[in-house]
Amino acid sequence: MGAFFEKNWFKLAVAVILLAMIGSFGYKLWFTSDPVKDDHLKAMKPTPAFELLDLDGKVVNSEELDSKVRLYYFFFSSCPDVCRPTTFMLSKIQDSLKEKGYLGDKSEIVSITMDPSRDTPEVLKEYAESFHAEPGGWRFLRGEEKQIADLAEQFGVMIVKDKDGNFTHSNAILIADPKGVLRTYYTVDPEMDTEFIVKDVITLSKEK
């Protein structure tokens, strides 16, 4: 047995690597090619109620957003790492939904800043423009800092602010159906397939 292993160790190692690659590919194929197979859109809980301000100072009530699918993202514009790449992903989702005719009346992106003292309406307008956010399909909202922290907690998003005013937060996009029920969340990573989220938006928009 020992002699056999010594003679064939390289072939065995290659076989193990190939099996791991096949298993990984099969996992990705199962969970990304068909967005319904793992039942990941099962209802979680009602979307937390809120009243926030848009970039024009208008009050936006969470109930106003019902009747369409919403993607929620908590961020801050001076974030040094994950917020900009994730917002760029949202811009790709926006463009795809618009191309497919599902942006605006059927779905909307809602970005909520956790840093309202620095993210003034002027700052956020510039930030939104840098990602060519569509006014009719992508809202940027503000509120009091504690209000946002409490709201994020209700959504299940962690926000921690240190003594120097820096934020640490969980980086996730959440999706709510037209009835105002949270259905799942997406933990963002650089290799995420944004079309997977687009398919989920379209799926939920067709629910009655």
N, C-alpha and C. Protein backbone atom coordinates (compact mmCIF):
# COMPACT_ATOMS: atom_id res chain seq x y z
N MET A 1 0.84 -1.21 0.00
CA MET A 1 0.00 0.00 0.00
C MET A 1 0.86 1.25 0.00
N GLY A 2 1.93 1.23 0.86
CA GLY A 2 2.81 2.38 0.93
C GLY A 2 3.53 2.59 -0.39
N ALA A 3 3.99 1.50 -1.00
CA ALA A 3 4.69 1.61 -2.28
C ALA A 3 3.76 2.14 -3.37
N PHE A 4 2.51 1.66 -3.34
CA PHE A 4 1.53 2.13 -4.34
C PHE A 4 1.30 3.63 -4.20
N PHE A 5 1.16 4.10 -2.95
CA PHE A 5 0.92 5.53 -2.71
C PHE A 5 2.10 6.36 -3.19
N GLU A 6 3.31 5.88 -2.84
CA GLU A 6 4.50 6.63 -3.24
C GLU A 6 4.60 6.73 -4.76
N LYS A 7 4.21 5.67 -5.45
CA LYS A 7 4.32 5.63 -6.90
C LYS A 7 3.24 6.45 -7.58
N ASN A 8 2.08 6.55 -6.94
CA ASN A 8 0.93 7.18 -7.60
C ASN A 8 0.41 8.43 -6.88
N TRP A 9 1.21 9.00 -5.99
CA TRP A 9 0.72 10.13 -5.18
C TRP A 9 0.32 11.30 -6.05
N PHE A 10 1.06 11.53 -7.13
CA PHE A 10 0.75 12.69 -7.98
C PHE A 10 -0.59 12.51 -8.67
N LYS A 11 -0.85 11.30 -9.17
CA LYS A 11 -2.13 11.04 -9.83
C LYS A 11 -3.29 11.17 -8.85
N LEU A 12 -3.07 10.69 -7.63
CA LEU A 12 -4.11 10.79 -6.62
C LEU A 12 -4.40 12.24 -6.27
N ALA A 13 -3.34 13.05 -6.16
CA ALA A 13 -3.51 14.48 -5.84
C ALA A 13 -4.28 15.18 -6.93
N VAL A 14 -3.94 14.88 -8.17
CA VAL A 14 -4.65 15.49 -9.30
C VAL A 14 -6.12 15.10 -9.27
N ALA A 15 -6.39 13.83 -8.98
CA ALA A 15 -7.79 13.37 -8.93
C ALA A 15 -8.58 14.10 -7.86
N VAL A 16 -7.97 14.29 -6.69
CA VAL A 16 -8.64 15.01 -5.60
C VAL A 16 -8.94 16.45 -6.01
N ILE A 17 -7.96 17.09 -6.65
CA ILE A 17 -8.16 18.48 -7.09
C ILE A 17 -9.28 18.56 -8.11
N LEU A 18 -9.30 17.62 -9.06
CA LEU A 18 -10.34 17.62 -10.09
C LEU A 18 -11.72 17.41 -9.47
N LEU A 19 -11.81 16.49 -8.51
CA LEU A 19 -13.10 16.27 -7.85
C LEU A 19 -13.56 17.51 -7.10
N ALA A 20 -12.62 18.20 -6.47
CA ALA A 20 -12.97 19.44 -5.76
C ALA A 20 -13.46 20.49 -6.73
N MET A 21 -12.80 20.60 -7.90
CA MET A 21 -13.21 21.58 -8.90
C MET A 21 -14.59 21.25 -9.45
N ILE A 22 -14.83 19.97 -9.71
CA ILE A 22 -16.13 19.56 -10.22
C ILE A 22 -17.22 19.83 -9.20
N GLY A 23 -16.91 19.52 -7.93
CA GLY A 23 -17.88 19.78 -6.88
C GLY A 23 -18.19 21.25 -6.74
N SER A 24 -17.15 22.08 -6.81
CA SER A 24 -17.33 23.53 -6.72
C SER A 24 -18.15 24.04 -7.89
N PHE A 25 -17.85 23.54 -9.09
CA PHE A 25 -18.61 23.97 -10.26
C PHE A 25 -20.06 23.56 -10.15
N GLY A 26 -20.28 22.32 -9.67
CA GLY A 26 -21.65 21.85 -9.53
C GLY A 26 -22.42 22.67 -8.52
N TYR A 27 -21.77 23.06 -7.42
CA TYR A 27 -22.41 23.90 -6.41
C TYR A 27 -22.81 25.24 -7.01
N LYS A 28 -21.88 25.88 -7.74
CA LYS A 28 -22.18 27.18 -8.34
C LYS A 28 -23.28 27.06 -9.37
N LEU A 29 -23.25 25.99 -10.15
CA LEU A 29 -24.28 25.79 -11.17
C LEU A 29 -25.65 25.63 -10.52
N TRP A 30 -25.71 24.86 -9.44
CA TRP A 30 -26.99 24.61 -8.75
C TRP A 30 -27.57 25.89 -8.18
N PHE A 31 -26.72 26.72 -7.58
CA PHE A 31 -27.23 27.87 -6.84
C PHE A 31 -27.25 29.16 -7.64
N THR A 32 -26.69 29.16 -8.86
CA THR A 32 -26.71 30.41 -9.62
C THR A 32 -27.47 30.30 -10.93
N SER A 33 -27.60 29.09 -11.49
CA SER A 33 -28.28 29.00 -12.77
C SER A 33 -29.79 29.05 -12.62
N ASP A 34 -30.30 28.56 -11.50
CA ASP A 34 -31.74 28.56 -11.26
C ASP A 34 -32.00 29.20 -9.90
N PRO A 35 -32.48 30.46 -9.87
CA PRO A 35 -32.62 31.18 -8.61
C PRO A 35 -33.74 30.66 -7.70
N VAL A 36 -34.44 29.61 -8.10
CA VAL A 36 -35.53 29.12 -7.27
C VAL A 36 -35.19 27.77 -6.62
N LYS A 37 -34.17 27.09 -7.10
CA LYS A 37 -33.89 25.73 -6.67
C LYS A 37 -33.66 25.60 -5.17
N ASP A 38 -32.97 26.57 -4.57
CA ASP A 38 -32.68 26.44 -3.14
C ASP A 38 -33.70 27.17 -2.28
N ASP A 39 -34.80 27.60 -2.90
CA ASP A 39 -35.90 28.24 -2.18
C ASP A 39 -35.40 29.45 -1.37
N HIS A 40 -34.44 30.16 -1.93
CA HIS A 40 -33.83 31.26 -1.19
C HIS A 40 -34.71 32.50 -1.14
N LEU A 41 -35.82 32.51 -1.87
CA LEU A 41 -36.72 33.65 -1.84
C LEU A 41 -37.91 33.44 -0.90
N LYS A 42 -37.76 32.51 0.00
CA LYS A 42 -38.82 32.26 0.98
C LYS A 42 -38.98 33.48 1.88
N ALA A 43 -40.23 33.84 2.20
CA ALA A 43 -40.51 35.04 3.01
C ALA A 43 -39.77 34.98 4.35
N MET A 44 -39.16 36.12 4.72
CA MET A 44 -38.41 36.21 5.97
C MET A 44 -39.22 36.97 7.03
N LYS A 45 -39.43 38.26 6.80
CA LYS A 45 -40.18 39.09 7.75
C LYS A 45 -40.60 40.37 7.04
N PRO A 46 -41.56 41.11 7.59
CA PRO A 46 -41.97 42.37 6.96
C PRO A 46 -40.81 43.37 6.95
N THR A 47 -40.77 44.19 5.92
CA THR A 47 -39.77 45.25 5.85
C THR A 47 -40.02 46.24 6.99
N PRO A 48 -38.99 46.62 7.74
CA PRO A 48 -39.18 47.60 8.83
C PRO A 48 -39.77 48.91 8.30
N ALA A 49 -40.69 49.48 9.06
CA ALA A 49 -41.29 50.75 8.66
C ALA A 49 -40.30 51.89 8.91
N PHE A 50 -40.32 52.89 8.03
CA PHE A 50 -39.43 54.04 8.22
C PHE A 50 -39.98 55.26 7.49
N GLU A 51 -39.50 56.42 7.94
CA GLU A 51 -39.72 57.69 7.26
C GLU A 51 -38.37 58.38 7.17
N LEU A 52 -37.86 58.54 5.95
CA LEU A 52 -36.57 59.16 5.71
C LEU A 52 -36.72 60.29 4.70
N LEU A 53 -35.63 60.98 4.46
CA LEU A 53 -35.65 62.10 3.51
C LEU A 53 -34.89 61.75 2.25
N ASP A 54 -35.44 62.16 1.10
CA ASP A 54 -34.71 61.97 -0.15
C ASP A 54 -33.76 63.15 -0.36
N LEU A 55 -33.12 63.22 -1.50
CA LEU A 55 -32.11 64.25 -1.73
C LEU A 55 -32.70 65.64 -1.92
N ASP A 56 -34.01 65.72 -2.09
CA ASP A 56 -34.68 67.02 -2.20
C ASP A 56 -35.36 67.41 -0.90
N GLY A 57 -35.14 66.63 0.16
CA GLY A 57 -35.73 66.93 1.45
C GLY A 57 -37.15 66.45 1.61
N LYS A 58 -37.64 65.68 0.65
CA LYS A 58 -39.00 65.15 0.72
C LYS A 58 -39.03 63.91 1.59
N VAL A 59 -40.08 63.80 2.43
CA VAL A 59 -40.24 62.62 3.29
C VAL A 59 -40.65 61.42 2.44
N VAL A 60 -39.95 60.32 2.64
CA VAL A 60 -40.27 59.07 1.94
C VAL A 60 -40.69 58.06 2.99
N ASN A 61 -41.92 57.60 2.87
CA ASN A 61 -42.48 56.60 3.78
C ASN A 61 -42.29 55.22 3.18
N SER A 62 -41.91 54.25 4.02
CA SER A 62 -41.67 52.90 3.52
C SER A 62 -42.89 52.33 2.81
N GLU A 63 -44.09 52.72 3.26
CA GLU A 63 -45.31 52.19 2.63
C GLU A 63 -45.46 52.69 1.19
N GLU A 64 -44.87 53.85 0.89
CA GLU A 64 -44.93 54.37 -0.47
C GLU A 64 -44.19 53.47 -1.45
N LEU A 65 -43.23 52.71 -0.93
CA LEU A 65 -42.39 51.88 -1.80
C LEU A 65 -43.01 50.52 -2.06
N ASP A 66 -44.07 50.18 -1.32
CA ASP A 66 -44.75 48.91 -1.57
C ASP A 66 -45.37 48.93 -2.96
N SER A 67 -45.64 47.77 -3.46
CA SER A 67 -46.19 47.52 -4.81
C SER A 67 -45.09 47.30 -5.83
N LYS A 68 -43.83 47.45 -5.42
CA LYS A 68 -42.73 47.15 -6.33
C LYS A 68 -41.62 46.44 -5.54
N VAL A 69 -40.76 45.74 -6.25
CA VAL A 69 -39.62 45.08 -5.63
C VAL A 69 -38.58 46.13 -5.27
N ARG A 70 -37.97 45.98 -4.08
CA ARG A 70 -36.93 46.93 -3.66
C ARG A 70 -35.65 46.22 -3.27
N LEU A 71 -34.53 46.81 -3.67
CA LEU A 71 -33.22 46.37 -3.21
C LEU A 71 -32.71 47.42 -2.24
N TYR A 72 -32.42 47.02 -1.01
CA TYR A 72 -31.95 47.95 0.02
C TYR A 72 -30.45 47.78 0.25
N TYR A 73 -29.76 48.92 0.40
CA TYR A 73 -28.33 48.86 0.70
C TYR A 73 -27.95 50.00 1.65
N PHE A 74 -27.32 49.66 2.77
CA PHE A 74 -26.83 50.65 3.73
C PHE A 74 -25.36 50.92 3.43
N PHE A 75 -24.99 52.20 3.33
CA PHE A 75 -23.65 52.57 2.87
C PHE A 75 -23.26 53.92 3.46
N PHE A 76 -22.04 54.39 3.17
CA PHE A 76 -21.68 55.78 3.37
C PHE A 76 -20.66 56.16 2.29
N SER A 77 -20.76 57.37 1.80
CA SER A 77 -20.02 57.74 0.59
C SER A 77 -18.51 57.79 0.77
N SER A 78 -18.04 58.03 2.01
CA SER A 78 -16.60 58.09 2.25
C SER A 78 -16.02 56.74 2.64
N CYS A 79 -16.80 55.70 2.53
CA CYS A 79 -16.36 54.34 2.83
C CYS A 79 -15.10 54.02 2.03
N PRO A 80 -14.04 53.54 2.70
CA PRO A 80 -12.77 53.32 2.00
C PRO A 80 -12.65 52.00 1.26
N ASP A 81 -13.63 51.13 1.40
CA ASP A 81 -13.45 49.82 0.77
C ASP A 81 -14.68 49.30 0.02
N VAL A 82 -15.68 48.76 0.74
CA VAL A 82 -16.71 47.96 0.06
C VAL A 82 -17.86 48.74 -0.56
N CYS A 83 -18.14 49.94 -0.07
CA CYS A 83 -19.36 50.63 -0.51
C CYS A 83 -19.34 51.02 -1.98
N ARG A 84 -18.23 51.55 -2.44
CA ARG A 84 -18.17 51.95 -3.86
C ARG A 84 -18.26 50.76 -4.80
N PRO A 85 -17.50 49.69 -4.58
CA PRO A 85 -17.66 48.52 -5.46
C PRO A 85 -19.08 47.95 -5.44
N THR A 86 -19.71 47.95 -4.25
CA THR A 86 -21.07 47.43 -4.17
C THR A 86 -22.05 48.36 -4.88
N THR A 87 -21.85 49.67 -4.72
CA THR A 87 -22.71 50.62 -5.42
C THR A 87 -22.53 50.50 -6.93
N PHE A 88 -21.32 50.21 -7.36
CA PHE A 88 -21.09 49.96 -8.79
C PHE A 88 -21.87 48.73 -9.25
N MET A 89 -21.89 47.68 -8.41
CA MET A 89 -22.69 46.49 -8.74
C MET A 89 -24.16 46.86 -8.87
N LEU A 90 -24.63 47.72 -7.95
CA LEU A 90 -26.02 48.16 -8.02
C LEU A 90 -26.29 48.94 -9.31
N SER A 91 -25.29 49.68 -9.77
CA SER A 91 -25.48 50.41 -11.03
C SER A 91 -25.61 49.44 -12.20
N LYS A 92 -24.88 48.33 -12.15
CA LYS A 92 -25.01 47.31 -13.19
C LYS A 92 -26.39 46.65 -13.12
N ILE A 93 -26.87 46.40 -11.91
CA ILE A 93 -28.21 45.84 -11.73
C ILE A 93 -29.25 46.81 -12.26
N GLN A 94 -29.07 48.10 -11.94
CA GLN A 94 -29.98 49.13 -12.44
C GLN A 94 -30.03 49.11 -13.96
N ASP A 95 -28.88 49.09 -14.61
CA ASP A 95 -28.83 49.15 -16.06
C ASP A 95 -29.51 47.93 -16.68
N SER A 96 -29.29 46.76 -16.07
CA SER A 96 -29.90 45.54 -16.60
C SER A 96 -31.42 45.56 -16.44
N LEU A 97 -31.89 46.01 -15.27
CA LEU A 97 -33.33 46.10 -15.04
C LEU A 97 -33.97 47.10 -15.99
N LYS A 98 -33.29 48.21 -16.23
CA LYS A 98 -33.81 49.21 -17.15
C LYS A 98 -33.90 48.65 -18.56
N GLU A 99 -32.86 47.95 -18.98
CA GLU A 99 -32.83 47.36 -20.31
C GLU A 99 -33.96 46.35 -20.49
N LYS A 100 -34.27 45.62 -19.41
CA LYS A 100 -35.31 44.58 -19.48
C LYS A 100 -36.71 45.13 -19.20
N GLY A 101 -36.81 46.43 -18.90
CA GLY A 101 -38.11 47.04 -18.65
C GLY A 101 -38.67 46.82 -17.26
N TYR A 102 -37.79 46.59 -16.27
CA TYR A 102 -38.26 46.32 -14.91
C TYR A 102 -37.84 47.37 -13.90
N LEU A 103 -37.25 48.47 -14.34
CA LEU A 103 -36.82 49.51 -13.40
C LEU A 103 -37.87 50.61 -13.32
N GLY A 104 -38.13 51.08 -12.11
CA GLY A 104 -39.07 52.19 -11.94
C GLY A 104 -40.41 51.73 -11.45
N ASP A 105 -41.29 51.36 -12.37
CA ASP A 105 -42.64 50.94 -11.99
C ASP A 105 -42.65 49.59 -11.28
N LYS A 106 -41.71 48.70 -11.65
CA LYS A 106 -41.71 47.35 -11.10
C LYS A 106 -40.65 47.11 -10.03
N SER A 107 -39.62 47.90 -10.04
CA SER A 107 -38.57 47.71 -9.04
C SER A 107 -37.83 49.01 -8.80
N GLU A 108 -37.14 49.05 -7.66
CA GLU A 108 -36.43 50.26 -7.26
C GLU A 108 -35.26 49.89 -6.36
N ILE A 109 -34.19 50.65 -6.46
CA ILE A 109 -33.03 50.50 -5.59
C ILE A 109 -33.10 51.59 -4.52
N VAL A 110 -32.85 51.22 -3.27
CA VAL A 110 -32.90 52.20 -2.17
C VAL A 110 -31.59 52.13 -1.40
N SER A 111 -30.78 53.18 -1.53
CA SER A 111 -29.51 53.27 -0.82
C SER A 111 -29.68 54.22 0.36
N ILE A 112 -29.35 53.76 1.56
CA ILE A 112 -29.57 54.53 2.79
C ILE A 112 -28.21 54.81 3.44
N THR A 113 -27.88 56.10 3.60
CA THR A 113 -26.59 56.42 4.20
C THR A 113 -26.63 56.28 5.72
N MET A 114 -25.57 55.72 6.27
CA MET A 114 -25.44 55.59 7.72
C MET A 114 -24.63 56.75 8.30
N ASP A 115 -24.20 57.68 7.44
CA ASP A 115 -23.34 58.79 7.85
C ASP A 115 -23.93 60.13 7.39
N PRO A 116 -25.11 60.49 7.91
CA PRO A 116 -25.81 61.69 7.40
C PRO A 116 -25.07 63.00 7.67
N SER A 117 -24.22 63.05 8.69
CA SER A 117 -23.51 64.30 8.97
C SER A 117 -22.55 64.67 7.85
N ARG A 118 -21.92 63.67 7.26
CA ARG A 118 -21.02 63.92 6.13
C ARG A 118 -21.71 63.74 4.79
N ASP A 119 -22.68 62.85 4.76
CA ASP A 119 -23.42 62.62 3.51
C ASP A 119 -24.59 63.59 3.42
N THR A 120 -24.27 64.84 3.14
CA THR A 120 -25.29 65.86 2.94
C THR A 120 -26.00 65.60 1.62
N PRO A 121 -27.14 66.24 1.39
CA PRO A 121 -27.81 66.06 0.10
C PRO A 121 -26.90 66.38 -1.09
N GLU A 122 -26.06 67.42 -0.93
CA GLU A 122 -25.16 67.79 -2.03
C GLU A 122 -24.13 66.69 -2.30
N VAL A 123 -23.58 66.14 -1.22
CA VAL A 123 -22.60 65.06 -1.36
C VAL A 123 -23.24 63.85 -2.02
N LEU A 124 -24.44 63.50 -1.57
CA LEU A 124 -25.11 62.32 -2.10
C LEU A 124 -25.55 62.52 -3.55
N LYS A 125 -25.93 63.73 -3.91
CA LYS A 125 -26.30 63.98 -5.31
C LYS A 125 -25.10 63.74 -6.22
N GLU A 126 -23.95 64.22 -5.78
CA GLU A 126 -22.73 64.00 -6.58
C GLU A 126 -22.38 62.52 -6.63
N TYR A 127 -22.55 61.86 -5.50
CA TYR A 127 -22.27 60.42 -5.42
C TYR A 127 -23.21 59.64 -6.35
N ALA A 128 -24.48 59.97 -6.31
CA ALA A 128 -25.46 59.30 -7.16
C ALA A 128 -25.16 59.52 -8.63
N GLU A 129 -24.80 60.75 -8.98
CA GLU A 129 -24.49 61.07 -10.37
C GLU A 129 -23.27 60.30 -10.87
N SER A 130 -22.31 60.07 -9.97
CA SER A 130 -21.10 59.35 -10.37
C SER A 130 -21.39 57.90 -10.75
N PHE A 131 -22.54 57.38 -10.29
CA PHE A 131 -22.95 56.02 -10.65
C PHE A 131 -24.16 56.04 -11.59
N HIS A 132 -24.37 57.20 -12.24
CA HIS A 132 -25.50 57.43 -13.16
C HIS A 132 -26.81 56.83 -12.64
N ALA A 133 -27.12 57.13 -11.38
CA ALA A 133 -28.36 56.62 -10.78
C ALA A 133 -29.57 57.25 -11.44
N GLU A 134 -30.53 56.43 -11.81
CA GLU A 134 -31.76 56.90 -12.45
C GLU A 134 -32.70 57.46 -11.37
N PRO A 135 -33.09 58.73 -11.47
CA PRO A 135 -33.97 59.33 -10.45
C PRO A 135 -35.26 58.56 -10.21
N GLY A 136 -35.81 57.96 -11.25
CA GLY A 136 -37.08 57.24 -11.09
C GLY A 136 -36.93 55.80 -10.64
N GLY A 137 -35.68 55.35 -10.48
CA GLY A 137 -35.50 53.94 -10.13
C GLY A 137 -34.47 53.69 -9.03
N TRP A 138 -33.87 54.77 -8.53
CA TRP A 138 -32.83 54.60 -7.51
C TRP A 138 -32.89 55.77 -6.55
N ARG A 139 -33.29 55.51 -5.32
CA ARG A 139 -33.39 56.55 -4.29
C ARG A 139 -32.18 56.50 -3.36
N PHE A 140 -31.73 57.69 -2.96
CA PHE A 140 -30.71 57.83 -1.92
C PHE A 140 -31.37 58.55 -0.76
N LEU A 141 -31.40 57.90 0.41
CA LEU A 141 -32.16 58.42 1.54
C LEU A 141 -31.26 58.72 2.74
N ARG A 142 -31.71 59.68 3.55
CA ARG A 142 -31.00 60.12 4.75
C ARG A 142 -31.95 60.17 5.94
N GLY A 143 -31.36 60.24 7.13
CA GLY A 143 -32.14 60.40 8.35
C GLY A 143 -31.20 60.74 9.48
N GLU A 144 -31.69 60.75 10.71
CA GLU A 144 -30.82 60.93 11.86
C GLU A 144 -29.95 59.68 12.02
N GLU A 145 -28.72 59.89 12.49
CA GLU A 145 -27.78 58.78 12.57
C GLU A 145 -28.30 57.62 13.43
N LYS A 146 -28.85 57.94 14.60
CA LYS A 146 -29.38 56.88 15.47
C LYS A 146 -30.57 56.19 14.81
N GLN A 147 -31.39 56.98 14.15
CA GLN A 147 -32.54 56.43 13.44
C GLN A 147 -32.08 55.40 12.41
N ILE A 148 -31.03 55.74 11.67
CA ILE A 148 -30.52 54.83 10.64
C ILE A 148 -29.91 53.59 11.28
N ALA A 149 -29.18 53.78 12.38
CA ALA A 149 -28.57 52.63 13.07
C ALA A 149 -29.65 51.67 13.56
N ASP A 150 -30.72 52.21 14.12
CA ASP A 150 -31.83 51.37 14.59
C ASP A 150 -32.52 50.66 13.43
N LEU A 151 -32.69 51.40 12.33
CA LEU A 151 -33.34 50.82 11.16
C LEU A 151 -32.49 49.69 10.58
N ALA A 152 -31.19 49.93 10.50
CA ALA A 152 -30.30 48.89 9.98
C ALA A 152 -30.37 47.63 10.83
N GLU A 153 -30.42 47.81 12.14
CA GLU A 153 -30.53 46.66 13.05
C GLU A 153 -31.81 45.89 12.78
N GLN A 154 -32.90 46.61 12.52
CA GLN A 154 -34.17 45.95 12.22
C GLN A 154 -34.09 45.18 10.90
N PHE A 155 -33.30 45.69 9.97
CA PHE A 155 -33.09 45.00 8.71
C PHE A 155 -32.16 43.80 8.87
N GLY A 156 -31.39 43.79 9.98
CA GLY A 156 -30.41 42.73 10.18
C GLY A 156 -29.03 43.10 9.70
N VAL A 157 -28.79 44.41 9.50
CA VAL A 157 -27.49 44.90 9.05
C VAL A 157 -26.74 45.48 10.24
N MET A 158 -25.50 45.03 10.43
CA MET A 158 -24.69 45.50 11.54
C MET A 158 -23.98 46.81 11.18
N ILE A 159 -24.07 47.80 12.06
CA ILE A 159 -23.32 49.05 11.92
C ILE A 159 -22.65 49.36 13.25
N VAL A 160 -21.34 49.57 13.21
CA VAL A 160 -20.58 49.93 14.40
C VAL A 160 -19.75 51.17 14.08
N LYS A 161 -19.85 52.19 14.95
CA LYS A 161 -19.09 53.42 14.77
C LYS A 161 -18.06 53.54 15.88
N ASP A 162 -16.78 53.76 15.54
CA ASP A 162 -15.75 53.86 16.56
C ASP A 162 -15.61 55.30 17.05
N LYS A 163 -14.72 55.52 18.00
CA LYS A 163 -14.57 56.83 18.63
C LYS A 163 -14.05 57.88 17.66
N ASP A 164 -13.44 57.45 16.54
CA ASP A 164 -12.93 58.39 15.54
C ASP A 164 -13.96 58.70 14.46
N GLY A 165 -15.15 58.14 14.60
CA GLY A 165 -16.21 58.41 13.63
C GLY A 165 -16.19 57.51 12.41
N ASN A 166 -15.40 56.44 12.46
CA ASN A 166 -15.32 55.51 11.35
C ASN A 166 -16.34 54.39 11.52
N PHE A 167 -16.90 53.94 10.42
CA PHE A 167 -17.94 52.92 10.46
C PHE A 167 -17.42 51.56 10.02
N THR A 168 -17.88 50.53 10.70
CA THR A 168 -17.73 49.15 10.25
C THR A 168 -19.14 48.61 10.08
N HIS A 169 -19.38 47.93 8.97
CA HIS A 169 -20.75 47.45 8.72
C HIS A 169 -20.75 46.18 7.90
N SER A 170 -21.81 45.41 8.07
CA SER A 170 -21.98 44.24 7.22
C SER A 170 -22.38 44.72 5.83
N ASN A 171 -21.79 44.09 4.82
CA ASN A 171 -21.99 44.54 3.44
C ASN A 171 -22.95 43.60 2.73
N ALA A 172 -24.22 43.96 2.75
CA ALA A 172 -25.24 43.09 2.17
C ALA A 172 -26.30 43.90 1.45
N ILE A 173 -26.84 43.32 0.40
CA ILE A 173 -27.99 43.88 -0.31
C ILE A 173 -29.20 43.04 0.07
N LEU A 174 -30.29 43.71 0.44
CA LEU A 174 -31.51 42.99 0.83
C LEU A 174 -32.59 43.23 -0.21
N ILE A 175 -33.45 42.25 -0.38
CA ILE A 175 -34.53 42.37 -1.37
C ILE A 175 -35.88 42.18 -0.70
N ALA A 176 -36.81 43.07 -1.04
CA ALA A 176 -38.18 42.99 -0.53
C ALA A 176 -39.15 42.84 -1.69
N ASP A 177 -40.21 42.08 -1.48
CA ASP A 177 -41.19 41.86 -2.54
C ASP A 177 -42.20 43.01 -2.58
N PRO A 178 -43.10 43.01 -3.56
CA PRO A 178 -44.07 44.11 -3.69
C PRO A 178 -45.02 44.25 -2.50
N LYS A 179 -45.14 43.23 -1.67
CA LYS A 179 -46.01 43.30 -0.50
C LYS A 179 -45.27 43.82 0.73
N GLY A 180 -44.01 44.17 0.56
CA GLY A 180 -43.24 44.71 1.68
C GLY A 180 -42.66 43.66 2.60
N VAL A 181 -42.38 42.49 2.06
CA VAL A 181 -41.80 41.40 2.84
C VAL A 181 -40.37 41.15 2.38
N LEU A 182 -39.44 41.12 3.32
CA LEU A 182 -38.05 40.78 2.99
C LEU A 182 -37.98 39.32 2.59
N ARG A 183 -37.26 39.05 1.48
CA ARG A 183 -37.23 37.69 0.97
C ARG A 183 -35.86 37.03 1.07
N THR A 184 -34.80 37.80 0.96
CA THR A 184 -33.46 37.26 1.17
C THR A 184 -32.48 38.41 1.20
N TYR A 185 -31.22 38.08 1.44
CA TYR A 185 -30.16 39.08 1.37
C TYR A 185 -28.98 38.46 0.63
N TYR A 186 -28.16 39.31 0.05
CA TYR A 186 -27.00 38.86 -0.71
C TYR A 186 -25.74 39.40 -0.05
N THR A 187 -24.88 38.51 0.40
CA THR A 187 -23.59 38.92 0.93
C THR A 187 -22.68 39.21 -0.26
N VAL A 188 -22.23 40.43 -0.37
CA VAL A 188 -21.54 40.88 -1.58
C VAL A 188 -20.10 40.40 -1.60
N ASP A 189 -19.67 39.90 -2.75
CA ASP A 189 -18.25 39.59 -2.97
C ASP A 189 -17.89 40.02 -4.39
N PRO A 190 -16.60 40.23 -4.67
CA PRO A 190 -16.18 40.77 -5.97
C PRO A 190 -16.60 39.94 -7.17
N GLU A 191 -16.81 38.64 -6.96
CA GLU A 191 -17.15 37.76 -8.08
C GLU A 191 -18.66 37.53 -8.20
N MET A 192 -19.44 38.29 -7.48
CA MET A 192 -20.89 38.10 -7.52
C MET A 192 -21.45 38.32 -8.93
N ASP A 193 -22.35 37.46 -9.33
CA ASP A 193 -23.03 37.59 -10.61
C ASP A 193 -24.27 38.47 -10.41
N THR A 194 -24.19 39.71 -10.87
CA THR A 194 -25.30 40.63 -10.65
C THR A 194 -26.58 40.18 -11.35
N GLU A 195 -26.45 39.40 -12.41
CA GLU A 195 -27.64 38.92 -13.11
C GLU A 195 -28.46 37.97 -12.24
N PHE A 196 -27.82 37.34 -11.27
CA PHE A 196 -28.55 36.49 -10.33
C PHE A 196 -29.56 37.32 -9.56
N ILE A 197 -29.14 38.51 -9.12
CA ILE A 197 -30.05 39.41 -8.40
C ILE A 197 -31.11 39.95 -9.35
N VAL A 198 -30.72 40.29 -10.56
CA VAL A 198 -31.69 40.78 -11.55
C VAL A 198 -32.80 39.74 -11.76
N LYS A 199 -32.42 38.48 -11.86
CA LYS A 199 -33.42 37.41 -12.05
C LYS A 199 -34.36 37.33 -10.85
N ASP A 200 -33.82 37.51 -9.64
CA ASP A 200 -34.66 37.48 -8.45
C ASP A 200 -35.66 38.64 -8.45
N VAL A 201 -35.18 39.81 -8.86
CA VAL A 201 -36.07 40.98 -8.94
C VAL A 201 -37.23 40.70 -9.90
N ILE A 202 -36.90 40.17 -11.05
CA ILE A 202 -37.93 39.88 -12.06
C ILE A 202 -38.90 38.81 -11.55
N THR A 203 -38.36 37.79 -10.88
CA THR A 203 -39.21 36.73 -10.33
C THR A 203 -40.21 37.28 -9.34
N LEU A 204 -39.72 38.13 -8.41
CA LEU A 204 -40.62 38.67 -7.38
C LEU A 204 -41.60 39.67 -7.97
N SER A 205 -41.19 40.39 -9.00
CA SER A 205 -42.09 41.38 -9.60
C SER A 205 -43.29 40.73 -10.27
N LYS A 206 -43.18 39.45 -10.57
CA LYS A 206 -44.27 38.73 -11.24
C LYS A 206 -45.22 38.07 -10.23
N GLU A 207 -44.87 38.13 -8.95
CA GLU A 207 -45.73 37.53 -7.95
C GLU A 207 -46.98 38.39 -7.75
N LYS A 208 -48.08 37.75 -7.40
CA LYS A 208 -49.34 38.46 -7.18
C LYS A 208 -49.75 38.35 -5.71
